[in-house]
Each structure stands twice: as structure tokens, then as C-alpha cells.
Amino acid sequence: MYVCICNGVTDHDIRHAAEAGCRTMAELTMRTGAGSSCGSCVEMASQLLAQSRAVQALPLPLLQPGLQHAA
């Protein structure tokens, strides 16, 4: 989905930027151009960036090698 129509930035672009370490809207604007023209996408772009960063911060459970489930 296009988030920033002015600069052709998609939700995928924003998630990719977050995965690459982008942390702030200012940094996202520098990397992708989102929000640099009319600014109507800033709220949605900020939310997507925050969501993407939150997903990355979730710890994944680690399974210990050799553990087997009881049947």
C-alpha cells in the first residue's frame, strides 16, 4: 500500500527501513522521502515505523536443544 503518494513510499519501504535500523520519522524522511512534500502521510508513516520497530523488539522464545515434548 502506498503511504506517501508524493514520493512513492510504500508500507513495505517503511518496514524495510525499520529493519535497516531507522528509528525516527526524521530518519525515515531522509531515507525514503516520506513526509517531505505535503506531509499528509506523516501520521501513518510514523505509526507504521513504530509498529515495525515494536515487532523487532519482541523477544522470541528460545528452545533448548535436546528438549523433547512429552507425548
C-alpha atoms as a PDB file:
ATOM      1  CA  MET A   1       0.000   0.000   0.000  1.00  0.00           C
ATOM      2  CA  TYR A   2       1.244   3.476  -0.793  1.00  0.00           C
ATOM      3  CA  VAL A   3       1.716   5.562   2.332  1.00  0.00           C
ATOM      4  CA  CYS A   4       3.394   8.593   0.737  1.00  0.00           C
ATOM      5  CA  ILE A   5       1.925   9.127  -2.704  1.00  0.00           C
ATOM      6  CA  CYS A   6       4.039  12.235  -3.342  1.00  0.00           C
ATOM      7  CA  ASN A   7       7.264  10.237  -3.105  1.00  0.00           C
ATOM      8  CA  GLY A   8       6.023   6.740  -3.927  1.00  0.00           C
ATOM      9  CA  VAL A   9       6.821   5.262  -0.494  1.00  0.00           C
ATOM     10  CA  THR A  10       5.020   2.051   0.425  1.00  0.00           C
ATOM     11  CA  ASP A  11       4.386   0.304   3.727  1.00  0.00           C
ATOM     12  CA  HIS A  12       6.963  -2.266   2.606  1.00  0.00           C
ATOM     13  CA  ASP A  13       9.540   0.524   2.161  1.00  0.00           C
ATOM     14  CA  ILE A  14       8.855   1.744   5.705  1.00  0.00           C
ATOM     15  CA  ARG A  15       9.140  -1.754   7.196  1.00  0.00           C
ATOM     16  CA  HIS A  16      12.371  -2.317   5.284  1.00  0.00           C
ATOM     17  CA  ALA A  17      13.770   0.983   6.599  1.00  0.00           C
ATOM     18  CA  ALA A  18      12.846  -0.050  10.155  1.00  0.00           C
ATOM     19  CA  GLU A  19      14.599  -3.394   9.664  1.00  0.00           C
ATOM     20  CA  ALA A  20      17.659  -1.485   8.446  1.00  0.00           C
ATOM     21  CA  GLY A  21      17.752   0.486  11.706  1.00  0.00           C
ATOM     22  CA  CYS A  22      15.612   3.545  11.007  1.00  0.00           C
ATOM     23  CA  ARG A  23      14.264   4.796  14.342  1.00  0.00           C
ATOM     24  CA  THR A  24      12.660   8.221  13.848  1.00  0.00           C
ATOM     25  CA  MET A  25      10.368   9.933  11.376  1.00  0.00           C
ATOM     26  CA  ALA A  26      13.162  12.379  10.533  1.00  0.00           C
ATOM     27  CA  GLU A  27      15.432   9.473   9.658  1.00  0.00           C
ATOM     28  CA  LEU A  28      12.643   7.822   7.654  1.00  0.00           C
ATOM     29  CA  THR A  29      12.182  11.048   5.693  1.00  0.00           C
ATOM     30  CA  MET A  30      15.899  11.191   4.933  1.00  0.00           C
ATOM     31  CA  ARG A  31      15.974   7.540   3.817  1.00  0.00           C
ATOM     32  CA  THR A  32      12.728   7.335   1.846  1.00  0.00           C
ATOM     33  CA  GLY A  33      11.421  10.856   1.270  1.00  0.00           C
ATOM     34  CA  ALA A  34       8.181  10.037   3.122  1.00  0.00           C
ATOM     35  CA  GLY A  35       6.673  13.193   4.576  1.00  0.00           C
ATOM     36  CA  SER A  36       8.996  15.578   2.774  1.00  0.00           C
ATOM     37  CA  SER A  37       6.412  17.026   0.394  1.00  0.00           C
ATOM     38  CA  CYS A  38       2.849  17.687   1.555  1.00  0.00           C
ATOM     39  CA  GLY A  39       3.163  15.923   4.929  1.00  0.00           C
ATOM     40  CA  SER A  40      -0.253  14.254   4.866  1.00  0.00           C
ATOM     41  CA  CYS A  41       1.389  10.821   5.303  1.00  0.00           C
ATOM     42  CA  VAL A  42       3.448  11.645   8.393  1.00  0.00           C
ATOM     43  CA  GLU A  43       0.970  10.239  10.926  1.00  0.00           C
ATOM     44  CA  MET A  44       0.514   6.923   9.099  1.00  0.00           C
ATOM     45  CA  ALA A  45       4.221   6.617   8.303  1.00  0.00           C
ATOM     46  CA  SER A  46       5.099   7.268  11.952  1.00  0.00           C
ATOM     47  CA  GLN A  47       2.633   4.621  13.111  1.00  0.00           C
ATOM     48  CA  LEU A  48       3.989   2.038  10.667  1.00  0.00           C
ATOM     49  CA  LEU A  49       7.546   2.803  11.704  1.00  0.00           C
ATOM     50  CA  ALA A  50       6.656   2.445  15.387  1.00  0.00           C
ATOM     51  CA  GLN A  51       4.793  -0.823  14.756  1.00  0.00           C
ATOM     52  CA  SER A  52       7.694  -2.235  12.784  1.00  0.00           C
ATOM     53  CA  ARG A  53      10.164  -1.263  15.487  1.00  0.00           C
ATOM     54  CA  ALA A  54       7.927  -2.820  18.172  1.00  0.00           C
ATOM     55  CA  VAL A  55       7.743  -6.124  16.291  1.00  0.00           C
ATOM     56  CA  GLN A  56      11.521  -6.215  16.050  1.00  0.00           C
ATOM     57  CA  ALA A  57      11.824  -5.599  19.784  1.00  0.00           C
ATOM     58  CA  LEU A  58       9.665  -8.597  20.723  1.00  0.00           C
ATOM     59  CA  PRO A  59      11.821 -11.339  22.192  1.00  0.00           C
ATOM     60  CA  LEU A  60      11.392 -14.737  20.622  1.00  0.00           C
ATOM     61  CA  PRO A  61      11.253 -17.748  22.896  1.00  0.00           C
ATOM     62  CA  LEU A  62      14.328 -19.927  22.654  1.00  0.00           C
ATOM     63  CA  LEU A  63      14.036 -23.671  22.784  1.00  0.00           C
ATOM     64  CA  GLN A  64      16.814 -25.537  24.458  1.00  0.00           C
ATOM     65  CA  PRO A  65      18.435 -28.155  22.220  1.00  0.00           C
ATOM     66  CA  GLY A  66      17.617 -31.700  23.143  1.00  0.00           C
ATOM     67  CA  LEU A  67      14.285 -30.944  24.782  1.00  0.00           C
ATOM     68  CA  GLN A  68      11.516 -33.178  23.538  1.00  0.00           C
ATOM     69  CA  HIS A  69       7.834 -32.732  24.003  1.00  0.00           C
ATOM     70  CA  ALA A  70       6.084 -35.336  26.146  1.00  0.00           C
ATOM     71  CA  ALA A  71       3.608 -37.331  24.123  1.00  0.00           C
END
